[in-house]
């Protein structure tokens, strides 16, 4: 089905010093919105950013049918704007919607919505080397009915916000062996709201103990590393890049996939497998150089300086020659058009 996106512009809203603002605090001038009713998408439009009006009975407020994505746009060396890996993000969005029993958004509507919005608010894309435009496509169930059921009505929306460094310094993380993020058969590999809400309490406990994030372990053994907060977990040990293999409990991270592809092209040995915290302890106590970092759209590459396992803290390698920084630089160069985009990741507008 073809969709026409209407665009309503407004006078430019001037915002200065976006770099000092918290991540995701200031939206751009416009947003995209489309309605799903009577089995079809309709009323697709880019409009001035405004608050929503929802019924208190809206199903998203009660039963968790909310799904979102996180993407970024960059100003390239030649001045064009690059929406990075739009197709990969779309594929993951559709898988999340399917898991949450929500109707798919046609790919053309998804891509056209983001392109139209970013083009209109192009002046909001930071030109600084460490800046980007964070793009948040999301869908919520809006049918107004109290009753545990799959909604028949939805809103698909896209909002944007200027973004800089998500984490300002290397992280201290705590291996979590009591609470779990996800179990096999659950929604761990879907980007849905409940996964994040359920993680708040143990993360808050870790922060009260002096840590920035947790390293989640598996739900069965509480032994094997899975994710870290908003990121996939990756390790570089003995010249091998190790990351937990994708399962039903781990999100298929776009940055994770990008870094693995870059590492493979550089000839780095890659192992996607289970890695236990006991293996990390052995590596640390044997005096090996251990790099640990998170990989995610918001954080990109987030160095981990300290890993707490039980009552002991272990120090990771975060010096400037670390491999994680080399991978980060390669990714930066591809996004900015400084290196050939051999994988066709860049959607340039």
C-alpha atoms as a PDB file:
ATOM      1  CA  UNK A   1       0.000   0.000   0.000  1.00  0.00           C
ATOM      2  CA  UNK A   2       1.304   3.436  -0.912  1.00  0.00           C
ATOM      3  CA  UNK A   3       1.364   6.105   1.778  1.00  0.00           C
ATOM      4  CA  UNK A   4       1.445   9.861   1.350  1.00  0.00           C
ATOM      5  CA  UNK A   5       3.168  11.752   4.142  1.00  0.00           C
ATOM      6  CA  UNK A   6       1.915  15.278   4.649  1.00  0.00           C
ATOM      7  CA  UNK A   7       4.368  17.772   6.129  1.00  0.00           C
ATOM      8  CA  UNK A   8       3.359  20.699   8.299  1.00  0.00           C
ATOM      9  CA  UNK A   9       6.228  23.062   8.999  1.00  0.00           C
ATOM     10  CA  UNK A  10       6.522  25.784  11.602  1.00  0.00           C
ATOM     11  CA  UNK A  11       8.798  28.686  12.397  1.00  0.00           C
ATOM     12  CA  UNK A  12      12.329  27.624  13.312  1.00  0.00           C
ATOM     13  CA  UNK A  13      12.870  27.111  17.032  1.00  0.00           C
ATOM     14  CA  UNK A  14      16.350  28.228  18.012  1.00  0.00           C
ATOM     15  CA  UNK A  15      18.190  26.118  20.589  1.00  0.00           C
ATOM     16  CA  UNK A  16      21.795  26.777  21.550  1.00  0.00           C
ATOM     17  CA  UNK A  17      24.328  24.798  23.543  1.00  0.00           C
ATOM     18  CA  UNK A  18      22.640  21.413  22.969  1.00  0.00           C
ATOM     19  CA  UNK A  19      25.906  19.721  23.916  1.00  0.00           C
ATOM     20  CA  UNK A  20      25.456  20.532  27.596  1.00  0.00           C
ATOM     21  CA  UNK A  21      21.912  19.153  27.774  1.00  0.00           C
ATOM     22  CA  UNK A  22      21.147  15.652  29.110  1.00  0.00           C
ATOM     23  CA  UNK A  23      20.696  12.934  26.485  1.00  0.00           C
ATOM     24  CA  UNK A  24      17.224  12.934  24.952  1.00  0.00           C
ATOM     25  CA  UNK A  25      16.007  16.046  26.766  1.00  0.00           C
ATOM     26  CA  UNK A  26      15.341  18.462  23.889  1.00  0.00           C
ATOM     27  CA  UNK A  27      13.305  17.305  20.843  1.00  0.00           C
ATOM     28  CA  UNK A  28      13.649  18.763  17.373  1.00  0.00           C
ATOM     29  CA  UNK A  29      10.905  20.962  15.918  1.00  0.00           C
ATOM     30  CA  UNK A  30       8.876  18.207  14.284  1.00  0.00           C
ATOM     31  CA  UNK A  31       7.723  14.616  14.746  1.00  0.00           C
ATOM     32  CA  UNK A  32       6.151  11.928  12.588  1.00  0.00           C
ATOM     33  CA  UNK A  33       2.875  10.252  13.466  1.00  0.00           C
ATOM     34  CA  UNK A  34       0.629   7.674  11.778  1.00  0.00           C
ATOM     35  CA  UNK A  35      -2.481   5.861  13.000  1.00  0.00           C
ATOM     36  CA  UNK A  36      -3.395   2.206  12.659  1.00  0.00           C
ATOM     37  CA  UNK A  37      -7.172   1.727  12.558  1.00  0.00           C
ATOM     38  CA  UNK A  38      -9.541  -0.688  10.838  1.00  0.00           C
ATOM     39  CA  UNK A  39      -6.616  -2.881   9.816  1.00  0.00           C
ATOM     40  CA  UNK A  40      -4.594  -0.259   7.939  1.00  0.00           C
ATOM     41  CA  UNK A  41      -2.124   2.589   8.400  1.00  0.00           C
ATOM     42  CA  UNK A  42      -3.529   6.057   7.757  1.00  0.00           C
ATOM     43  CA  UNK A  43      -3.047   9.780   8.421  1.00  0.00           C
ATOM     44  CA  UNK A  44       0.748   9.644   8.052  1.00  0.00           C
ATOM     45  CA  UNK A  45       2.148  13.113   8.654  1.00  0.00           C
ATOM     46  CA  UNK A  46       5.128  15.137   9.845  1.00  0.00           C
ATOM     47  CA  UNK A  47       3.842  17.805  12.227  1.00  0.00           C
ATOM     48  CA  UNK A  48       5.225  20.274  14.774  1.00  0.00           C
ATOM     49  CA  UNK A  49       6.325  18.490  17.952  1.00  0.00           C
ATOM     50  CA  UNK A  50       3.459  18.410  20.447  1.00  0.00           C
ATOM     51  CA  UNK A  51       2.100  16.442  23.367  1.00  0.00           C
ATOM     52  CA  UNK A  52      -0.223  13.495  22.828  1.00  0.00           C
ATOM     53  CA  UNK A  53      -3.771  13.109  24.097  1.00  0.00           C
ATOM     54  CA  UNK A  54      -4.552   9.538  25.137  1.00  0.00           C
ATOM     55  CA  UNK A  55      -7.492   7.955  26.860  1.00  0.00           C
ATOM     56  CA  UNK A  56      -6.680   6.720  30.377  1.00  0.00           C
ATOM     57  CA  UNK A  57      -8.011   3.406  29.067  1.00  0.00           C
ATOM     58  CA  UNK A  58      -5.378   3.209  26.297  1.00  0.00           C
ATOM     59  CA  UNK A  59      -4.038  -0.347  26.355  1.00  0.00           C
ATOM     60  CA  UNK A  60      -0.377   0.770  26.213  1.00  0.00           C
ATOM     61  CA  UNK A  61      -0.807   2.236  29.699  1.00  0.00           C
ATOM     62  CA  UNK A  62      -1.894  -1.085  31.165  1.00  0.00           C
ATOM     63  CA  UNK A  63      -0.545  -4.134  29.323  1.00  0.00           C
ATOM     64  CA  UNK A  64       2.847  -3.255  27.890  1.00  0.00           C
ATOM     65  CA  UNK A  65       2.333  -3.146  24.123  1.00  0.00           C
ATOM     66  CA  UNK A  66       5.137  -0.654  23.482  1.00  0.00           C
ATOM     67  CA  UNK A  67       8.052  -1.174  21.104  1.00  0.00           C
ATOM     68  CA  UNK A  68      10.814   1.226  20.065  1.00  0.00           C
ATOM     69  CA  UNK A  69      14.031   1.572  18.118  1.00  0.00           C
ATOM     70  CA  UNK A  70      17.105   3.773  18.545  1.00  0.00           C
ATOM     71  CA  UNK A  71      18.912   5.086  15.454  1.00  0.00           C
ATOM     72  CA  UNK A  72      21.307   7.885  14.587  1.00  0.00           C
ATOM     73  CA  UNK A  73      21.932  10.352  11.776  1.00  0.00           C
ATOM     74  CA  UNK A  74      25.307  11.992  11.149  1.00  0.00           C
ATOM     75  CA  UNK A  75      26.685  14.895   9.142  1.00  0.00           C
ATOM     76  CA  UNK A  76      29.176  13.406   6.710  1.00  0.00           C
ATOM     77  CA  UNK A  77      32.456  14.904   5.570  1.00  0.00           C
ATOM     78  CA  UNK A  78      30.817  16.146   2.337  1.00  0.00           C
ATOM     79  CA  UNK A  79      27.923  17.789   4.200  1.00  0.00           C
ATOM     80  CA  UNK A  80      25.297  15.168   3.409  1.00  0.00           C
ATOM     81  CA  UNK A  81      23.330  13.507   6.196  1.00  0.00           C
ATOM     82  CA  UNK A  82      23.665   9.780   6.788  1.00  0.00           C
ATOM     83  CA  UNK A  83      20.967   7.747   8.538  1.00  0.00           C
ATOM     84  CA  UNK A  84      23.018   4.774   9.691  1.00  0.00           C
ATOM     85  CA  UNK A  85      21.831   1.215   8.979  1.00  0.00           C
ATOM     86  CA  UNK A  86      18.169   2.095   8.526  1.00  0.00           C
ATOM     87  CA  UNK A  87      17.350  -1.326   7.026  1.00  0.00           C
ATOM     88  CA  UNK A  88      18.889  -3.245   9.950  1.00  0.00           C
ATOM     89  CA  UNK A  89      16.959  -1.144  12.446  1.00  0.00           C
ATOM     90  CA  UNK A  90      13.750  -1.712  10.486  1.00  0.00           C
ATOM     91  CA  UNK A  91      14.248  -5.489  10.530  1.00  0.00           C
ATOM     92  CA  UNK A  92      14.725  -5.483  14.303  1.00  0.00           C
ATOM     93  CA  UNK A  93      11.698  -3.219  14.780  1.00  0.00           C
ATOM     94  CA  UNK A  94       9.523  -5.661  12.842  1.00  0.00           C
ATOM     95  CA  UNK A  95      10.777  -8.630  14.890  1.00  0.00           C
ATOM     96  CA  UNK A  96       9.978  -6.772  18.117  1.00  0.00           C
ATOM     97  CA  UNK A  97       6.499  -5.873  16.855  1.00  0.00           C
ATOM     98  CA  UNK A  98       5.849  -9.489  15.925  1.00  0.00           C
ATOM     99  CA  UNK A  99       6.849 -10.684  19.404  1.00  0.00           C
ATOM    100  CA  UNK A 100       4.482  -8.149  20.997  1.00  0.00           C
ATOM    101  CA  UNK A 101       1.548  -9.013  18.679  1.00  0.00           C
ATOM    102  CA  UNK A 102       1.610  -5.579  17.051  1.00  0.00           C
ATOM    103  CA  UNK A 103       0.969  -4.919  13.331  1.00  0.00           C
ATOM    104  CA  UNK A 104       4.012  -4.415  11.098  1.00  0.00           C
ATOM    105  CA  UNK A 105       4.885  -1.002   9.721  1.00  0.00           C
ATOM    106  CA  UNK A 106       5.530  -1.220   5.962  1.00  0.00           C
ATOM    107  CA  UNK A 107       9.220  -0.729   5.240  1.00  0.00           C
ATOM    108  CA  UNK A 108       8.585   2.131   2.826  1.00  0.00           C
ATOM    109  CA  UNK A 109       6.500   3.972   5.418  1.00  0.00           C
ATOM    110  CA  UNK A 110       9.189   3.439   8.074  1.00  0.00           C
ATOM    111  CA  UNK A 111      12.023   4.704   5.856  1.00  0.00           C
ATOM    112  CA  UNK A 112      10.034   7.564   4.313  1.00  0.00           C
ATOM    113  CA  UNK A 113       8.877   8.743   7.736  1.00  0.00           C
ATOM    114  CA  UNK A 114      12.424   8.951   9.076  1.00  0.00           C
ATOM    115  CA  UNK A 115      13.817  10.516   5.904  1.00  0.00           C
ATOM    116  CA  UNK A 116      11.059  13.162   5.775  1.00  0.00           C
ATOM    117  CA  UNK A 117      11.526  14.071   9.434  1.00  0.00           C
ATOM    118  CA  UNK A 118      15.331  14.231   9.308  1.00  0.00           C
ATOM    119  CA  UNK A 119      15.278  16.261   6.088  1.00  0.00           C
ATOM    120  CA  UNK A 120      12.912  18.813   7.612  1.00  0.00           C
ATOM    121  CA  UNK A 121      14.928  19.106  10.835  1.00  0.00           C
ATOM    122  CA  UNK A 122      18.333  18.744   9.166  1.00  0.00           C
ATOM    123  CA  UNK A 123      19.722  21.815  10.915  1.00  0.00           C
ATOM    124  CA  UNK A 124      19.377  19.932  14.208  1.00  0.00           C
ATOM    125  CA  UNK A 125      21.937  17.303  13.236  1.00  0.00           C
ATOM    126  CA  UNK A 126      25.078  18.314  15.196  1.00  0.00           C
ATOM    127  CA  UNK A 127      28.119  19.012  13.063  1.00  0.00           C
ATOM    128  CA  UNK A 128      30.577  18.298  15.894  1.00  0.00           C
ATOM    129  CA  UNK A 129      32.628  15.116  15.527  1.00  0.00           C
ATOM    130  CA  UNK A 130      31.102  13.572  18.665  1.00  0.00           C
ATOM    131  CA  UNK A 131      27.549  14.650  17.841  1.00  0.00           C
ATOM    132  CA  UNK A 132      24.629  12.959  16.105  1.00  0.00           C
ATOM    133  CA  UNK A 133      20.866  13.154  15.793  1.00  0.00           C
ATOM    134  CA  UNK A 134      19.249  10.418  17.870  1.00  0.00           C
ATOM    135  CA  UNK A 135      16.150   9.029  16.125  1.00  0.00           C
ATOM    136  CA  UNK A 136      13.465   7.234  18.136  1.00  0.00           C
ATOM    137  CA  UNK A 137      10.815   5.332  16.120  1.00  0.00           C
ATOM    138  CA  UNK A 138       8.228   3.749  18.411  1.00  0.00           C
ATOM    139  CA  UNK A 139       4.748   2.254  18.509  1.00  0.00           C
ATOM    140  CA  UNK A 140       2.133   2.175  21.246  1.00  0.00           C
ATOM    141  CA  UNK A 141      -1.260   0.468  21.606  1.00  0.00           C
ATOM    142  CA  UNK A 142      -4.002   3.123  21.798  1.00  0.00           C
ATOM    143  CA  UNK A 143      -7.307   1.261  21.824  1.00  0.00           C
ATOM    144  CA  UNK A 144      -9.288   2.619  24.776  1.00  0.00           C
ATOM    145  CA  UNK A 145     -10.425  -0.458  26.631  1.00  0.00           C
ATOM    146  CA  UNK A 146      -9.583  -2.022  29.966  1.00  0.00           C
ATOM    147  CA  UNK A 147      -9.275  -5.696  29.244  1.00  0.00           C
ATOM    148  CA  UNK A 148      -6.296  -7.958  28.669  1.00  0.00           C
ATOM    149  CA  UNK A 149      -6.334  -8.140  24.892  1.00  0.00           C
ATOM    150  CA  UNK A 150      -4.285  -7.343  21.810  1.00  0.00           C
ATOM    151  CA  UNK A 151      -5.020  -3.785  20.769  1.00  0.00           C
ATOM    152  CA  UNK A 152      -6.783  -3.079  17.481  1.00  0.00           C
ATOM    153  CA  UNK A 153      -5.445   0.491  17.284  1.00  0.00           C
ATOM    154  CA  UNK A 154      -1.903   1.916  17.400  1.00  0.00           C
ATOM    155  CA  UNK A 155       0.202   5.000  16.907  1.00  0.00           C
ATOM    156  CA  UNK A 156       3.529   4.772  15.074  1.00  0.00           C
ATOM    157  CA  UNK A 157       5.698   7.788  15.777  1.00  0.00           C
ATOM    158  CA  UNK A 158       9.226   9.105  15.239  1.00  0.00           C
ATOM    159  CA  UNK A 159      10.883  11.800  17.351  1.00  0.00           C
ATOM    160  CA  UNK A 160      14.461  13.098  17.272  1.00  0.00           C
ATOM    161  CA  UNK A 161      16.899  14.790  19.627  1.00  0.00           C
ATOM    162  CA  UNK A 162      20.505  16.026  19.299  1.00  0.00           C
ATOM    163  CA  UNK A 163      22.896  13.629  21.021  1.00  0.00           C
ATOM    164  CA  UNK A 164      26.490  13.602  22.172  1.00  0.00           C
ATOM    165  CA  UNK A 165      28.341  11.230  24.512  1.00  0.00           C
ATOM    166  CA  UNK A 166      25.940   8.973  26.400  1.00  0.00           C
ATOM    167  CA  UNK A 167      28.569   8.044  28.994  1.00  0.00           C
ATOM    168  CA  UNK A 168      31.076  10.770  29.820  1.00  0.00           C
ATOM    169  CA  UNK A 169      33.689   8.466  31.369  1.00  0.00           C
ATOM    170  CA  UNK A 170      34.665   4.764  31.557  1.00  0.00           C
ATOM    171  CA  UNK A 171      32.147   2.673  33.453  1.00  0.00           C
ATOM    172  CA  UNK A 172      32.200   0.714  36.663  1.00  0.00           C
ATOM    173  CA  UNK A 173      29.887  -2.290  36.377  1.00  0.00           C
ATOM    174  CA  UNK A 174      28.716  -5.023  38.715  1.00  0.00           C
ATOM    175  CA  UNK A 175      28.068  -8.605  37.650  1.00  0.00           C
ATOM    176  CA  UNK A 176      24.451  -9.295  38.604  1.00  0.00           C
ATOM    177  CA  UNK A 177      23.803 -12.841  39.855  1.00  0.00           C
ATOM    178  CA  UNK A 178      20.566 -12.336  41.762  1.00  0.00           C
ATOM    179  CA  UNK A 179      18.151 -10.497  39.484  1.00  0.00           C
ATOM    180  CA  UNK A 180      17.778 -11.418  35.798  1.00  0.00           C
ATOM    181  CA  UNK A 181      16.918  -9.330  32.762  1.00  0.00           C
ATOM    182  CA  UNK A 182      15.370 -12.053  30.624  1.00  0.00           C
ATOM    183  CA  UNK A 183      14.819 -15.797  30.371  1.00  0.00           C
ATOM    184  CA  UNK A 184      14.577 -18.118  27.381  1.00  0.00           C
ATOM    185  CA  UNK A 185      11.109 -17.894  25.896  1.00  0.00           C
ATOM    186  CA  UNK A 186      10.625 -14.343  27.163  1.00  0.00           C
ATOM    187  CA  UNK A 187      10.987 -11.006  25.411  1.00  0.00           C
ATOM    188  CA  UNK A 188      14.730 -10.471  25.927  1.00  0.00           C
ATOM    189  CA  UNK A 189      15.461 -10.147  22.204  1.00  0.00           C
ATOM    190  CA  UNK A 190      12.603  -7.677  21.629  1.00  0.00           C
ATOM    191  CA  UNK A 191      13.115  -3.951  22.088  1.00  0.00           C
ATOM    192  CA  UNK A 192      10.010  -3.473  24.202  1.00  0.00           C
ATOM    193  CA  UNK A 193       9.392  -1.205  27.158  1.00  0.00           C
ATOM    194  CA  UNK A 194       8.958  -3.927  29.770  1.00  0.00           C
ATOM    195  CA  UNK A 195      12.532  -5.158  29.386  1.00  0.00           C
ATOM    196  CA  UNK A 196      13.821  -1.768  30.480  1.00  0.00           C
ATOM    197  CA  UNK A 197      11.299  -1.175  33.250  1.00  0.00           C
ATOM    198  CA  UNK A 198      12.152  -4.517  34.819  1.00  0.00           C
ATOM    199  CA  UNK A 199      15.856  -3.627  34.833  1.00  0.00           C
ATOM    200  CA  UNK A 200      15.510  -0.388  36.784  1.00  0.00           C
ATOM    201  CA  UNK A 201      15.466  -1.810  40.306  1.00  0.00           C
ATOM    202  CA  UNK A 202      18.660  -3.942  40.200  1.00  0.00           C
ATOM    203  CA  UNK A 203      20.406  -1.160  38.261  1.00  0.00           C
ATOM    204  CA  UNK A 204      19.413   1.315  40.955  1.00  0.00           C
ATOM    205  CA  UNK A 205      20.807  -0.999  43.629  1.00  0.00           C
ATOM    206  CA  UNK A 206      24.087  -1.192  41.693  1.00  0.00           C
ATOM    207  CA  UNK A 207      24.263   2.604  41.463  1.00  0.00           C
ATOM    208  CA  UNK A 208      23.670   2.940  45.194  1.00  0.00           C
ATOM    209  CA  UNK A 209      26.668   0.623  45.632  1.00  0.00           C
ATOM    210  CA  UNK A 210      28.822   2.909  43.462  1.00  0.00           C
ATOM    211  CA  UNK A 211      28.467   1.318  40.009  1.00  0.00           C
ATOM    212  CA  UNK A 212      27.165   2.739  36.741  1.00  0.00           C
ATOM    213  CA  UNK A 213      25.554  -0.370  35.322  1.00  0.00           C
ATOM    214  CA  UNK A 214      25.153  -4.104  35.790  1.00  0.00           C
ATOM    215  CA  UNK A 215      26.438  -6.975  33.694  1.00  0.00           C
ATOM    216  CA  UNK A 216      23.460  -9.288  33.440  1.00  0.00           C
ATOM    217  CA  UNK A 217      23.933 -13.044  33.689  1.00  0.00           C
ATOM    218  CA  UNK A 218      21.728 -15.835  32.382  1.00  0.00           C
ATOM    219  CA  UNK A 219      18.499 -16.762  34.159  1.00  0.00           C
ATOM    220  CA  UNK A 220      19.312 -20.469  34.581  1.00  0.00           C
ATOM    221  CA  UNK A 221      22.843 -20.573  35.992  1.00  0.00           C
ATOM    222  CA  UNK A 222      23.407 -16.889  36.905  1.00  0.00           C
ATOM    223  CA  UNK A 223      26.868 -17.456  35.473  1.00  0.00           C
ATOM    224  CA  UNK A 224      27.101 -16.501  31.798  1.00  0.00           C
ATOM    225  CA  UNK A 225      27.377 -12.838  30.779  1.00  0.00           C
ATOM    226  CA  UNK A 226      24.539 -11.509  28.636  1.00  0.00           C
ATOM    227  CA  UNK A 227      24.134  -7.705  28.331  1.00  0.00           C
ATOM    228  CA  UNK A 228      25.035  -4.534  30.183  1.00  0.00           C
ATOM    229  CA  UNK A 229      22.204  -2.091  30.726  1.00  0.00           C
ATOM    230  CA  UNK A 230      21.503  -0.353  27.417  1.00  0.00           C
ATOM    231  CA  UNK A 231      24.274  -2.206  25.576  1.00  0.00           C
ATOM    232  CA  UNK A 232      25.601  -5.501  24.333  1.00  0.00           C
ATOM    233  CA  UNK A 233      28.697  -6.712  26.195  1.00  0.00           C
ATOM    234  CA  UNK A 234      31.993  -7.335  24.379  1.00  0.00           C
ATOM    235  CA  UNK A 235      35.466  -8.417  25.540  1.00  0.00           C
ATOM    236  CA  UNK A 236      38.899  -8.429  23.914  1.00  0.00           C
ATOM    237  CA  UNK A 237      41.125 -11.052  25.559  1.00  0.00           C
ATOM    238  CA  UNK A 238      44.244 -12.772  24.119  1.00  0.00           C
ATOM    239  CA  UNK A 239      43.711 -10.952  20.801  1.00  0.00           C
ATOM    240  CA  UNK A 240      40.222 -12.466  20.498  1.00  0.00           C
ATOM    241  CA  UNK A 241      37.000 -10.463  20.399  1.00  0.00           C
ATOM    242  CA  UNK A 242      34.448 -12.356  22.479  1.00  0.00           C
ATOM    243  CA  UNK A 243      30.758 -11.543  22.814  1.00  0.00           C
ATOM    244  CA  UNK A 244      27.769 -13.601  23.968  1.00  0.00           C
ATOM    245  CA  UNK A 245      26.011 -15.299  21.075  1.00  0.00           C
ATOM    246  CA  UNK A 246      22.543 -14.094  20.182  1.00  0.00           C
ATOM    247  CA  UNK A 247      19.808 -15.998  21.946  1.00  0.00           C
ATOM    248  CA  UNK A 248      16.218 -15.311  22.879  1.00  0.00           C
ATOM    249  CA  UNK A 249      17.490 -13.343  25.869  1.00  0.00           C
ATOM    250  CA  UNK A 250      19.901 -10.962  24.111  1.00  0.00           C
ATOM    251  CA  UNK A 251      19.076  -8.033  21.853  1.00  0.00           C
ATOM    252  CA  UNK A 252      20.483  -8.196  18.322  1.00  0.00           C
ATOM    253  CA  UNK A 253      22.419  -4.948  18.630  1.00  0.00           C
ATOM    254  CA  UNK A 254      23.098  -2.977  15.450  1.00  0.00           C
ATOM    255  CA  UNK A 255      26.319  -1.517  16.853  1.00  0.00           C
ATOM    256  CA  UNK A 256      27.339  -5.009  18.002  1.00  0.00           C
ATOM    257  CA  UNK A 257      26.804  -6.337  14.475  1.00  0.00           C
ATOM    258  CA  UNK A 258      28.697  -3.393  12.955  1.00  0.00           C
ATOM    259  CA  UNK A 259      31.714  -3.823  15.255  1.00  0.00           C
ATOM    260  CA  UNK A 260      31.856  -7.567  14.578  1.00  0.00           C
ATOM    261  CA  UNK A 261      31.852  -6.927  10.826  1.00  0.00           C
ATOM    262  CA  UNK A 262      34.610  -4.322  11.169  1.00  0.00           C
ATOM    263  CA  UNK A 263      36.672  -6.652  13.377  1.00  0.00           C
ATOM    264  CA  UNK A 264      36.299  -9.502  10.878  1.00  0.00           C
ATOM    265  CA  UNK A 265      37.491  -7.240   8.045  1.00  0.00           C
ATOM    266  CA  UNK A 266      40.548  -6.342  10.160  1.00  0.00           C
ATOM    267  CA  UNK A 267      41.393 -10.030  10.553  1.00  0.00           C
ATOM    268  CA  UNK A 268      40.552 -10.144  14.264  1.00  0.00           C
ATOM    269  CA  UNK A 269      39.506 -13.517  15.615  1.00  0.00           C
ATOM    270  CA  UNK A 270      35.864 -13.397  16.731  1.00  0.00           C
ATOM    271  CA  UNK A 271      34.083 -15.775  19.096  1.00  0.00           C
ATOM    272  CA  UNK A 272      30.338 -15.494  19.631  1.00  0.00           C
ATOM    273  CA  UNK A 273      29.819 -17.830  22.571  1.00  0.00           C
ATOM    274  CA  UNK A 274      29.014 -18.141  26.233  1.00  0.00           C
ATOM    275  CA  UNK A 275      31.465 -16.363  28.487  1.00  0.00           C
ATOM    276  CA  UNK A 276      31.163 -16.881  32.222  1.00  0.00           C
ATOM    277  CA  UNK A 277      32.212 -14.506  34.950  1.00  0.00           C
ATOM    278  CA  UNK A 278      34.488 -17.328  36.170  1.00  0.00           C
ATOM    279  CA  UNK A 279      36.348 -17.105  32.846  1.00  0.00           C
ATOM    280  CA  UNK A 280      36.777 -13.374  33.397  1.00  0.00           C
ATOM    281  CA  UNK A 281      38.126 -13.971  36.907  1.00  0.00           C
ATOM    282  CA  UNK A 282      40.678 -16.433  35.535  1.00  0.00           C
ATOM    283  CA  UNK A 283      41.797 -13.991  32.854  1.00  0.00           C
ATOM    284  CA  UNK A 284      42.198 -11.172  35.378  1.00  0.00           C
ATOM    285  CA  UNK A 285      44.030 -13.309  37.923  1.00  0.00           C
ATOM    286  CA  UNK A 286      46.340 -14.719  35.252  1.00  0.00           C
ATOM    287  CA  UNK A 287      47.393 -11.152  34.495  1.00  0.00           C
ATOM    288  CA  UNK A 288      45.913 -11.072  31.002  1.00  0.00           C
ATOM    289  CA  UNK A 289      45.026  -7.821  29.288  1.00  0.00           C
ATOM    290  CA  UNK A 290      41.238  -7.695  29.434  1.00  0.00           C
ATOM    291  CA  UNK A 291      39.267  -5.102  27.497  1.00  0.00           C
ATOM    292  CA  UNK A 292      35.573  -4.896  28.306  1.00  0.00           C
ATOM    293  CA  UNK A 293      33.107  -2.526  26.695  1.00  0.00           C
ATOM    294  CA  UNK A 294      29.462  -1.975  25.931  1.00  0.00           C
ATOM    295  CA  UNK A 295      28.208  -1.566  22.357  1.00  0.00           C
ATOM    296  CA  UNK A 296      24.963   0.238  21.582  1.00  0.00           C
ATOM    297  CA  UNK A 297      23.438   2.931  19.396  1.00  0.00           C
ATOM    298  CA  UNK A 298      23.305   5.523  22.171  1.00  0.00           C
ATOM    299  CA  UNK A 299      26.616   4.642  23.828  1.00  0.00           C
ATOM    300  CA  UNK A 300      28.435   3.454  20.649  1.00  0.00           C
ATOM    301  CA  UNK A 301      31.533   2.038  22.423  1.00  0.00           C
ATOM    302  CA  UNK A 302      31.456   2.489  26.204  1.00  0.00           C
ATOM    303  CA  UNK A 303      34.729   1.434  27.877  1.00  0.00           C
ATOM    304  CA  UNK A 304      34.388  -0.515  31.116  1.00  0.00           C
ATOM    305  CA  UNK A 305      37.109   0.292  33.620  1.00  0.00           C
ATOM    306  CA  UNK A 306      36.012  -1.783  36.613  1.00  0.00           C
ATOM    307  CA  UNK A 307      34.115  -5.077  36.800  1.00  0.00           C
ATOM    308  CA  UNK A 308      32.924  -6.095  40.253  1.00  0.00           C
ATOM    309  CA  UNK A 309      32.430  -9.837  40.651  1.00  0.00           C
ATOM    310  CA  UNK A 310      31.184 -10.738  44.102  1.00  0.00           C
ATOM    311  CA  UNK A 311      33.091  -8.631  46.600  1.00  0.00           C
ATOM    312  CA  UNK A 312      36.157  -8.121  44.404  1.00  0.00           C
ATOM    313  CA  UNK A 313      36.820  -5.477  41.773  1.00  0.00           C
ATOM    314  CA  UNK A 314      38.904  -6.140  38.668  1.00  0.00           C
ATOM    315  CA  UNK A 315      40.494  -3.432  36.534  1.00  0.00           C
ATOM    316  CA  UNK A 316      40.146  -3.596  32.749  1.00  0.00           C
ATOM    317  CA  UNK A 317      42.510  -2.217  30.112  1.00  0.00           C
ATOM    318  CA  UNK A 318      41.339   1.190  28.836  1.00  0.00           C
ATOM    319  CA  UNK A 319      44.586   2.721  27.521  1.00  0.00           C
ATOM    320  CA  UNK A 320      44.478   4.668  24.201  1.00  0.00           C
ATOM    321  CA  UNK A 321      45.859   1.728  22.183  1.00  0.00           C
ATOM    322  CA  UNK A 322      42.994  -0.559  23.214  1.00  0.00           C
ATOM    323  CA  UNK A 323      41.364  -2.462  20.361  1.00  0.00           C
ATOM    324  CA  UNK A 324      37.901  -1.155  21.258  1.00  0.00           C
ATOM    325  CA  UNK A 325      38.999   2.376  20.359  1.00  0.00           C
ATOM    326  CA  UNK A 326      40.341   1.181  17.006  1.00  0.00           C
ATOM    327  CA  UNK A 327      36.983  -0.444  16.224  1.00  0.00           C
ATOM    328  CA  UNK A 328      35.187   2.698  17.353  1.00  0.00           C
ATOM    329  CA  UNK A 329      37.338   4.827  15.046  1.00  0.00           C
ATOM    330  CA  UNK A 330      36.625   2.581  12.061  1.00  0.00           C
ATOM    331  CA  UNK A 331      32.905   2.846  12.742  1.00  0.00           C
ATOM    332  CA  UNK A 332      33.172   6.636  13.047  1.00  0.00           C
ATOM    333  CA  UNK A 333      34.978   6.870   9.698  1.00  0.00           C
ATOM    334  CA  UNK A 334      32.315   4.794   7.910  1.00  0.00           C
ATOM    335  CA  UNK A 335      29.446   6.829   9.333  1.00  0.00           C
ATOM    336  CA  UNK A 336      31.109  10.121   8.421  1.00  0.00           C
ATOM    337  CA  UNK A 337      32.073   9.055   4.894  1.00  0.00           C
ATOM    338  CA  UNK A 338      35.815   9.092   5.623  1.00  0.00           C
ATOM    339  CA  UNK A 339      36.141   5.397   4.773  1.00  0.00           C
ATOM    340  CA  UNK A 340      34.497   3.487   1.934  1.00  0.00           C
ATOM    341  CA  UNK A 341      31.133   2.051   2.946  1.00  0.00           C
ATOM    342  CA  UNK A 342      31.762  -1.433   1.575  1.00  0.00           C
ATOM    343  CA  UNK A 343      28.827  -2.914   3.499  1.00  0.00           C
ATOM    344  CA  UNK A 344      26.317  -0.337   2.184  1.00  0.00           C
ATOM    345  CA  UNK A 345      25.321   0.680   5.710  1.00  0.00           C
ATOM    346  CA  UNK A 346      24.846   4.402   5.034  1.00  0.00           C
ATOM    347  CA  UNK A 347      21.464   5.753   3.941  1.00  0.00           C
ATOM    348  CA  UNK A 348      22.483   9.164   2.629  1.00  0.00           C
ATOM    349  CA  UNK A 349      19.919  11.929   2.166  1.00  0.00           C
END
